[in-house]
C-alpha atoms as a PDB file:
ATOM      1  CA  MET A   1       1.641 -38.705 -15.886  1.00  0.00           C
ATOM      2  CA  SER A   2       0.154 -35.967 -13.606  1.00  0.00           C
ATOM      3  CA  PRO A   3       0.065 -32.680 -15.490  1.00  0.00           C
ATOM      4  CA  ASP A   4       2.251 -29.760 -14.497  1.00  0.00           C
ATOM      5  CA  PRO A   5       0.789 -27.358 -11.782  1.00  0.00           C
ATOM      6  CA  LEU A   6      -0.971 -24.189 -12.872  1.00  0.00           C
ATOM      7  CA  PRO A   7       1.418 -21.280 -12.352  1.00  0.00           C
ATOM      8  CA  THR A   8       0.690 -18.739  -9.246  1.00  0.00           C
ATOM      9  CA  VAL A   9       1.173 -15.260  -9.358  1.00  0.00           C
ATOM     10  CA  PRO A  10       4.559 -14.547  -8.170  1.00  0.00           C
ATOM     11  CA  SER A  11       5.398 -12.462  -5.062  1.00  0.00           C
ATOM     12  CA  TRP A  12       5.794  -8.866  -6.465  1.00  0.00           C
ATOM     13  CA  THR A  13       6.011  -5.196  -5.323  1.00  0.00           C
ATOM     14  CA  PHE A  14       5.663  -1.864  -6.955  1.00  0.00           C
ATOM     15  CA  ALA A  15       9.060   0.353  -7.113  1.00  0.00           C
ATOM     16  CA  SER A  16      10.035   3.415  -8.780  1.00  0.00           C
ATOM     17  CA  ASP A  17      13.383   4.430 -10.144  1.00  0.00           C
ATOM     18  CA  ASP A  18      15.359   7.713 -10.115  1.00  0.00           C
ATOM     19  CA  LEU A  19      13.119   9.015 -13.058  1.00  0.00           C
ATOM     20  CA  MET A  20      10.131   8.207 -11.140  1.00  0.00           C
ATOM     21  CA  THR A  21       9.350   5.376 -13.852  1.00  0.00           C
ATOM     22  CA  ARG A  22       7.166   3.047 -11.780  1.00  0.00           C
ATOM     23  CA  TYR A  23       7.819  -0.772 -11.990  1.00  0.00           C
ATOM     24  CA  VAL A  24       5.799  -3.993 -11.078  1.00  0.00           C
ATOM     25  CA  VAL A  25       8.896  -6.028  -9.592  1.00  0.00           C
ATOM     26  CA  VAL A  26       8.790  -9.677  -9.220  1.00  0.00           C
ATOM     27  CA  THR A  27      10.679  -9.855  -5.488  1.00  0.00           C
ATOM     28  CA  ASP A  28      11.688 -13.542  -5.799  1.00  0.00           C
ATOM     29  CA  ALA A  29      15.075 -13.893  -7.643  1.00  0.00           C
ATOM     30  CA  ARG A  30      14.553 -17.432  -8.430  1.00  0.00           C
ATOM     31  CA  VAL A  31      11.703 -16.654 -10.729  1.00  0.00           C
ATOM     32  CA  ASP A  32      12.080 -16.590 -14.698  1.00  0.00           C
ATOM     33  CA  MET A  33       9.682 -14.236 -16.109  1.00  0.00           C
ATOM     34  CA  THR A  34      11.033 -14.688 -19.876  1.00  0.00           C
ATOM     35  CA  GLY A  35       7.922 -14.087 -21.992  1.00  0.00           C
ATOM     36  CA  TRP A  36       5.697 -13.015 -19.361  1.00  0.00           C
ATOM     37  CA  SER A  37       3.786  -9.590 -19.249  1.00  0.00           C
ATOM     38  CA  ILE A  38       1.748  -7.435 -16.696  1.00  0.00           C
ATOM     39  CA  ARG A  39      -1.900  -6.320 -17.528  1.00  0.00           C
ATOM     40  CA  TYR A  40      -3.287  -2.859 -16.090  1.00  0.00           C
ATOM     41  CA  HIS A  41      -5.688  -0.464 -16.282  1.00  0.00           C
ATOM     42  CA  HIS A  42      -4.792   3.310 -16.713  1.00  0.00           C
ATOM     43  CA  VAL A  43      -6.414   5.883 -14.416  1.00  0.00           C
ATOM     44  CA  GLU A  44      -8.934   6.505 -17.092  1.00  0.00           C
ATOM     45  CA  GLY A  45     -10.091   2.870 -17.380  1.00  0.00           C
ATOM     46  CA  LEU A  46      -8.398   2.182 -20.822  1.00  0.00           C
ATOM     47  CA  PRO A  47      -6.359  -1.316 -20.499  1.00  0.00           C
ATOM     48  CA  ASP A  48      -2.717  -1.730 -21.433  1.00  0.00           C
ATOM     49  CA  SER A  49       0.041  -4.275 -21.059  1.00  0.00           C
ATOM     50  CA  SER A  50       3.631  -4.144 -19.967  1.00  0.00           C
ATOM     51  CA  PRO A  51       6.579  -6.995 -20.788  1.00  0.00           C
ATOM     52  CA  PHE A  52       8.831  -7.966 -18.017  1.00  0.00           C
ATOM     53  CA  ALA A  53      12.654  -7.537 -18.424  1.00  0.00           C
ATOM     54  CA  PRO A  54      15.539  -8.196 -16.270  1.00  0.00           C
ATOM     55  CA  VAL A  55      16.900  -5.481 -14.066  1.00  0.00           C
ATOM     56  CA  SER A  56      19.640  -5.069 -11.535  1.00  0.00           C
ATOM     57  CA  VAL A  57      18.708  -3.613  -8.190  1.00  0.00           C
ATOM     58  CA  ARG A  58      19.949  -3.206  -4.404  1.00  0.00           C
ATOM     59  CA  VAL A  59      17.833  -4.285  -2.025  1.00  0.00           C
ATOM     60  CA  GLU A  60      17.351  -2.239   0.920  1.00  0.00           C
ATOM     61  CA  PRO A  61      15.535  -3.563   3.934  1.00  0.00           C
ATOM     62  CA  PRO A  62      12.623  -3.818   4.776  1.00  0.00           C
ATOM     63  CA  ASP A  63      11.075  -3.120   1.354  1.00  0.00           C
ATOM     64  CA  ASP A  64      12.687  -1.210  -0.887  1.00  0.00           C
ATOM     65  CA  PHE A  65      14.597  -1.990  -4.378  1.00  0.00           C
ATOM     66  CA  VAL A  66      16.900   0.424  -5.755  1.00  0.00           C
ATOM     67  CA  PHE A  67      17.368   0.273  -9.566  1.00  0.00           C
ATOM     68  CA  ASP A  68      21.015   0.235  -9.975  1.00  0.00           C
ATOM     69  CA  ASP A  69      23.049  -1.004 -13.045  1.00  0.00           C
ATOM     70  CA  ASP A  70      25.876  -1.987 -10.752  1.00  0.00           C
ATOM     71  CA  GLY A  71      23.359  -3.944  -8.238  1.00  0.00           C
ATOM     72  CA  ASP A  72      24.125  -7.103  -6.864  1.00  0.00           C
ATOM     73  CA  THR A  73      20.506  -8.763  -7.431  1.00  0.00           C
ATOM     74  CA  GLN A  74      18.987  -9.563 -10.872  1.00  0.00           C
ATOM     75  CA  LEU A  75      15.114  -9.450 -10.754  1.00  0.00           C
ATOM     76  CA  TRP A  76      12.312  -9.148 -13.201  1.00  0.00           C
ATOM     77  CA  ALA A  77       9.967  -5.566 -13.855  1.00  0.00           C
ATOM     78  CA  ALA A  78       7.563  -4.448 -15.689  1.00  0.00           C
ATOM     79  CA  THR A  79       6.700  -0.836 -15.997  1.00  0.00           C
ATOM     80  CA  ILE A  80       2.961   0.574 -15.044  1.00  0.00           C
ATOM     81  CA  GLU A  81       1.793   4.170 -15.153  1.00  0.00           C
ATOM     82  CA  ALA A  82       1.461   5.925 -11.836  1.00  0.00           C
ATOM     83  CA  ALA A  83      -1.703   5.322 -10.172  1.00  0.00           C
ATOM     84  CA  ALA A  84      -2.996   2.588 -12.806  1.00  0.00           C
ATOM     85  CA  LEU A  85      -4.460  -0.414 -11.475  1.00  0.00           C
ATOM     86  CA  LEU A  86      -2.467  -3.807 -11.853  1.00  0.00           C
ATOM     87  CA  ASP A  87      -5.030  -6.611 -12.894  1.00  0.00           C
ATOM     88  CA  GLY A  88      -2.912  -9.568 -13.562  1.00  0.00           C
ATOM     89  CA  PHE A  89       0.425 -11.245 -14.799  1.00  0.00           C
ATOM     90  CA  VAL A  90      -0.004 -12.967 -18.499  1.00  0.00           C
ATOM     91  CA  SER A  91       2.075 -16.073 -19.248  1.00  0.00           C
ATOM     92  CA  PRO A  92       3.686 -16.623 -22.767  1.00  0.00           C
ATOM     93  CA  GLU A  93       0.950 -18.880 -23.482  1.00  0.00           C
ATOM     94  CA  GLY A  94      -1.523 -15.845 -22.711  1.00  0.00           C
ATOM     95  CA  ARG A  95      -3.112 -17.430 -19.630  1.00  0.00           C
ATOM     96  CA  ILE A  96      -3.960 -14.472 -17.469  1.00  0.00           C
ATOM     97  CA  LEU A  97      -3.042 -14.814 -13.689  1.00  0.00           C
ATOM     98  CA  ALA A  98      -5.405 -12.209 -11.897  1.00  0.00           C
ATOM     99  CA  VAL A  99      -3.955 -10.064  -9.047  1.00  0.00           C
ATOM    100  CA  ASP A 100      -5.890 -10.034  -5.767  1.00  0.00           C
ATOM    101  CA  GLN A 101      -7.216  -6.452  -5.608  1.00  0.00           C
ATOM    102  CA  TRP A 102      -6.816  -6.779  -1.604  1.00  0.00           C
ATOM    103  CA  ASP A 103      -3.392  -7.823  -2.086  1.00  0.00           C
ATOM    104  CA  ALA A 104      -2.624  -4.842  -4.723  1.00  0.00           C
ATOM    105  CA  MET A 105      -4.286  -2.452  -2.222  1.00  0.00           C
ATOM    106  CA  THR A 106      -1.971  -3.525   0.551  1.00  0.00           C
ATOM    107  CA  THR A 107       1.214  -3.277  -1.875  1.00  0.00           C
ATOM    108  CA  TRP A 108      -0.013  -0.079  -2.871  1.00  0.00           C
ATOM    109  CA  LEU A 109      -0.079   1.525   0.465  1.00  0.00           C
ATOM    110  CA  VAL A 110       3.233  -0.080   1.523  1.00  0.00           C
ATOM    111  CA  GLU A 111       4.470   1.925  -1.717  1.00  0.00           C
ATOM    112  CA  SER A 112       2.709   5.140  -0.781  1.00  0.00           C
ATOM    113  CA  MET A 113       4.710   5.479   2.499  1.00  0.00           C
ATOM    114  CA  ARG A 114       8.179   4.345   1.327  1.00  0.00           C
ATOM    115  CA  ASP A 115      10.729   7.385   2.097  1.00  0.00           C
ATOM    116  CA  GLU A 116       7.907   9.563   3.104  1.00  0.00           C
ATOM    117  CA  PRO A 117       8.636  12.077   5.698  1.00  0.00           C
ATOM    118  CA  ALA A 118       7.021  11.975   9.489  1.00  0.00           C
ATOM    119  CA  GLY A 119       3.617  13.855   9.140  1.00  0.00           C
ATOM    120  CA  LEU A 120       2.458  12.220   6.289  1.00  0.00           C
ATOM    121  CA  ILE A 121      -1.089  10.938   6.907  1.00  0.00           C
ATOM    122  CA  ILE A 122      -2.988   8.655   4.608  1.00  0.00           C
ATOM    123  CA  ASP A 123      -6.876   8.362   5.028  1.00  0.00           C
ATOM    124  CA  LEU A 124      -8.920   5.599   3.705  1.00  0.00           C
ATOM    125  CA  GLY A 125     -12.634   6.335   3.937  1.00  0.00           C
ATOM    126  CA  PRO A 126     -15.789   6.649   2.016  1.00  0.00           C
ATOM    127  CA  ASN A 127     -15.508   8.462  -1.192  1.00  0.00           C
ATOM    128  CA  THR A 128     -18.679  10.565  -0.794  1.00  0.00           C
ATOM    129  CA  GLU A 129     -19.223  13.806   0.750  1.00  0.00           C
ATOM    130  CA  ILE A 130     -20.131  13.335   4.465  1.00  0.00           C
ATOM    131  CA  PRO A 131     -22.568  16.083   6.214  1.00  0.00           C
ATOM    132  CA  GLU A 132     -20.617  17.588   9.069  1.00  0.00           C
ATOM    133  CA  ASP A 133     -23.301  17.108  11.319  1.00  0.00           C
ATOM    134  CA  GLU A 134     -23.443  13.458  10.559  1.00  0.00           C
ATOM    135  CA  VAL A 135     -19.456  12.678  10.516  1.00  0.00           C
ATOM    136  CA  ASP A 136     -19.707  11.485  14.408  1.00  0.00           C
ATOM    137  CA  VAL A 137     -22.719   9.585  14.449  1.00  0.00           C
ATOM    138  CA  ILE A 138     -23.009   7.504  10.876  1.00  0.00           C
ATOM    139  CA  GLU A 139     -21.095   4.249  10.607  1.00  0.00           C
ATOM    140  CA  LEU A 140     -18.459   3.973   7.949  1.00  0.00           C
ATOM    141  CA  VAL A 141     -15.308   1.973   7.541  1.00  0.00           C
ATOM    142  CA  ASN A 142     -12.327   4.259   8.321  1.00  0.00           C
ATOM    143  CA  ALA A 143      -8.562   3.806   8.585  1.00  0.00           C
ATOM    144  CA  GLN A 144      -5.835   5.974   8.920  1.00  0.00           C
ATOM    145  CA  LEU A 145      -2.096   5.614   8.497  1.00  0.00           C
ATOM    146  CA  HIS A 146       0.057   8.335  10.101  1.00  0.00           C
ATOM    147  CA  VAL A 147       3.865   8.218   9.797  1.00  0.00           C
ATOM    148  CA  LEU A 148       6.073   8.956  12.648  1.00  0.00           C
ATOM    149  CA  ASP A 149       9.808   9.251  13.165  1.00  0.00           C
ATOM    150  CA  ASN A 150      12.451   6.441  12.403  1.00  0.00           C
ATOM    151  CA  GLY A 151      10.321   4.593  10.228  1.00  0.00           C
ATOM    152  CA  VAL A 152       7.224   4.054  12.738  1.00  0.00           C
ATOM    153  CA  VAL A 153       3.767   4.245  11.583  1.00  0.00           C
ATOM    154  CA  MET A 154       0.454   4.656  13.604  1.00  0.00           C
ATOM    155  CA  VAL A 155      -2.465   2.596  12.447  1.00  0.00           C
ATOM    156  CA  ARG A 156      -5.790   3.789  13.351  1.00  0.00           C
ATOM    157  CA  ARG A 157      -8.981   2.035  12.357  1.00  0.00           C
ATOM    158  CA  SER A 158     -12.778   2.792  13.427  1.00  0.00           C
ATOM    159  CA  HIS A 159     -16.604   2.715  12.466  1.00  0.00           C
ATOM    160  CA  ARG A 160     -16.412   6.559  12.584  1.00  0.00           C
ATOM    161  CA  ILE A 161     -14.848   9.348  10.505  1.00  0.00           C
ATOM    162  CA  LEU A 162     -11.369   9.402  11.906  1.00  0.00           C
ATOM    163  CA  ARG A 163     -10.311  13.019  12.631  1.00  0.00           C
ATOM    164  CA  GLN A 164      -6.513  14.126  12.498  1.00  0.00           C
ATOM    165  CA  LEU A 165      -4.694  13.975  15.706  1.00  0.00           C
ATOM    166  CA  ARG A 166      -2.913  17.048  16.874  1.00  0.00           C
ATOM    167  CA  LEU A 167       0.577  15.865  17.672  1.00  0.00           C
ATOM    168  CA  VAL A 168       3.097  17.882  19.562  1.00  0.00           C
ATOM    169  CA  ASP A 169       5.998  15.909  17.883  1.00  0.00           C
ATOM    170  CA  HIS A 170       6.194  12.496  15.798  1.00  0.00           C
ATOM    171  CA  ALA A 171       8.807  11.042  18.397  1.00  0.00           C
ATOM    172  CA  VAL A 172       8.531   7.554  19.041  1.00  0.00           C
ATOM    173  CA  ASP A 173      10.423   7.386  22.194  1.00  0.00           C
ATOM    174  CA  GLY A 174       8.599   4.860  24.601  1.00  0.00           C
ATOM    175  CA  LEU A 175       6.142   3.419  22.165  1.00  0.00           C
ATOM    176  CA  VAL A 176       5.141  -0.218  22.254  1.00  0.00           C
ATOM    177  CA  LEU A 177       5.452  -1.422  18.862  1.00  0.00           C
ATOM    178  CA  ASP A 178       3.594  -4.285  17.088  1.00  0.00           C
ATOM    179  CA  GLN A 179       0.996  -4.553  19.893  1.00  0.00           C
ATOM    180  CA  TRP A 180      -2.467  -3.903  18.993  1.00  0.00           C
ATOM    181  CA  HIS A 181      -3.934  -1.538  21.563  1.00  0.00           C
ATOM    182  CA  HIS A 182      -7.904  -1.430  22.052  1.00  0.00           C
ATOM    183  CA  ASP A 183      -9.633   1.359  24.251  1.00  0.00           C
ATOM    184  CA  GLU A 184     -13.332   1.510  24.105  1.00  0.00           C
ATOM    185  CA  THR A 185     -13.237   4.976  25.421  1.00  0.00           C
ATOM    186  CA  PHE A 186     -11.183   6.352  22.662  1.00  0.00           C
ATOM    187  CA  ASP A 187     -13.704   8.683  20.997  1.00  0.00           C
ATOM    188  CA  ASP A 188     -12.540   8.944  17.780  1.00  0.00           C
ATOM    189  CA  CYS A 189     -10.626   5.766  17.119  1.00  0.00           C
ATOM    190  CA  THR A 190     -13.279   2.896  18.666  1.00  0.00           C
ATOM    191  CA  ASN A 191     -11.601  -0.027  17.188  1.00  0.00           C
ATOM    192  CA  GLY A 192      -7.877   0.277  18.233  1.00  0.00           C
ATOM    193  CA  TYR A 193      -4.530   1.415  17.162  1.00  0.00           C
ATOM    194  CA  LEU A 194      -1.071  -0.030  16.301  1.00  0.00           C
ATOM    195  CA  PHE A 195       2.520   1.632  16.147  1.00  0.00           C
ATOM    196  CA  THR A 196       5.116  -0.635  13.981  1.00  0.00           C
ATOM    197  CA  ARG A 197       7.965  -0.153  11.657  1.00  0.00           C
ATOM    198  CA  ASP A 198       6.399  -3.027   9.506  1.00  0.00           C
ATOM    199  CA  HIS A 199       4.826  -1.638   6.768  1.00  0.00           C
ATOM    200  CA  VAL A 200       3.464  -4.347   5.349  1.00  0.00           C
ATOM    201  CA  LEU A 201       1.852  -5.383   8.831  1.00  0.00           C
ATOM    202  CA  ALA A 202       0.413  -1.595   9.023  1.00  0.00           C
ATOM    203  CA  ALA A 203      -0.791  -1.737   5.382  1.00  0.00           C
ATOM    204  CA  SER A 204      -2.426  -5.307   5.830  1.00  0.00           C
ATOM    205  CA  ALA A 205      -4.272  -3.962   9.042  1.00  0.00           C
ATOM    206  CA  CYS A 206      -6.005  -1.305   7.271  1.00  0.00           C
ATOM    207  CA  VAL A 207      -6.887  -3.282   3.952  1.00  0.00           C
ATOM    208  CA  ALA A 208      -8.241  -6.436   6.427  1.00  0.00           C
ATOM    209  CA  TRP A 209     -10.463  -3.673   7.851  1.00  0.00           C
ATOM    210  CA  VAL A 210     -11.881  -2.489   4.985  1.00  0.00           C
ATOM    211  CA  ARG A 211     -12.490  -5.993   3.601  1.00  0.00           C
ATOM    212  CA  ASP A 212     -13.781  -7.576   6.753  1.00  0.00           C
ATOM    213  CA  ALA A 213     -15.786  -4.557   8.160  1.00  0.00           C
ATOM    214  CA  GLY A 214     -17.109  -3.575   4.970  1.00  0.00           C
ATOM    215  CA  GLY A 215     -17.375  -6.321   2.443  1.00  0.00           C
ATOM    216  CA  VAL A 216     -16.562  -6.491  -1.360  1.00  0.00           C
ATOM    217  CA  GLU A 217     -18.535  -3.261  -1.842  1.00  0.00           C
ATOM    218  CA  ALA A 218     -16.214  -1.288   0.729  1.00  0.00           C
ATOM    219  CA  ALA A 219     -13.489  -1.133  -1.947  1.00  0.00           C
ATOM    220  CA  ASN A 220     -15.690   0.418  -4.581  1.00  0.00           C
ATOM    221  CA  ARG A 221     -17.036   3.076  -2.376  1.00  0.00           C
ATOM    222  CA  LEU A 222     -13.346   3.552  -0.925  1.00  0.00           C
ATOM    223  CA  GLY A 223     -11.970   7.047  -1.000  1.00  0.00           C
ATOM    224  CA  CYS A 224      -7.898   7.991  -0.112  1.00  0.00           C
ATOM    225  CA  SER A 225      -6.485  11.323   0.865  1.00  0.00           C
ATOM    226  CA  PHE A 226      -2.839  12.565   1.416  1.00  0.00           C
ATOM    227  CA  ASP A 227      -2.057  15.013   4.140  1.00  0.00           C
ATOM    228  CA  PHE A 228       1.459  16.123   4.708  1.00  0.00           C
ATOM    229  CA  ALA A 229       2.658  18.048   7.874  1.00  0.00           C
ATOM    230  CA  ASP A 230       3.112  21.909   7.197  1.00  0.00           C
ATOM    231  CA  GLU A 231       6.815  23.141   6.999  1.00  0.00           C
ATOM    232  CA  LEU A 232       6.940  26.460   9.463  1.00  0.00           C
ATOM    233  CA  PRO A 233       9.290  29.063   8.341  1.00  0.00           C
ATOM    234  CA  ARG A 234      12.539  29.282  10.279  1.00  0.00           C
ATOM    235  CA  ARG A 235      14.622  31.763  11.398  1.00  0.00           C
END
């Protein structure tokens, strides 16, 4: 008799409830996570774990799960500290299924864009200070997500430090979505840009760029910053 196949990491995402408790949610309702748990590291590096428990949710496309006792879908979720790094899933027998850190980075970026207002800029780049006179000449892996109106995100990728664009507004009328634009003469975005409502696609485009252009060491050198649009006083 052939042995049972080893379990694999189930499809999962990050989500938060009304109290801003953060969870790892298994998105496939057919999966039974009885006895399973997650292993993760706190920001300061200390390891920790958390068991899975069933939760009721409402699914709001494209990628949100709203925790609701009256929700029509039951999934499995485990709590995880804000900003903690998910390491893997632990089976009831103690087998550890490691989470691909590039997949985890993609899921984290999707979480970071969820329900955020237009004007948010997520900048992925080197985590070291770059001298001002080298910003425009030194080659470094850089990517940027800029939230526009109506759920559209602009993706920009470059071998140079990406400066923030000065936009008149965040309107998306007339934009061509889900098509990669490439223009060699676009000074501060030498490797193209993309407009999309698919946040998984947007996040994946950034993570793939960091991974493929920078290699394994790129993740260790990666820094991230969040900038929000300024709110001007109204009369």
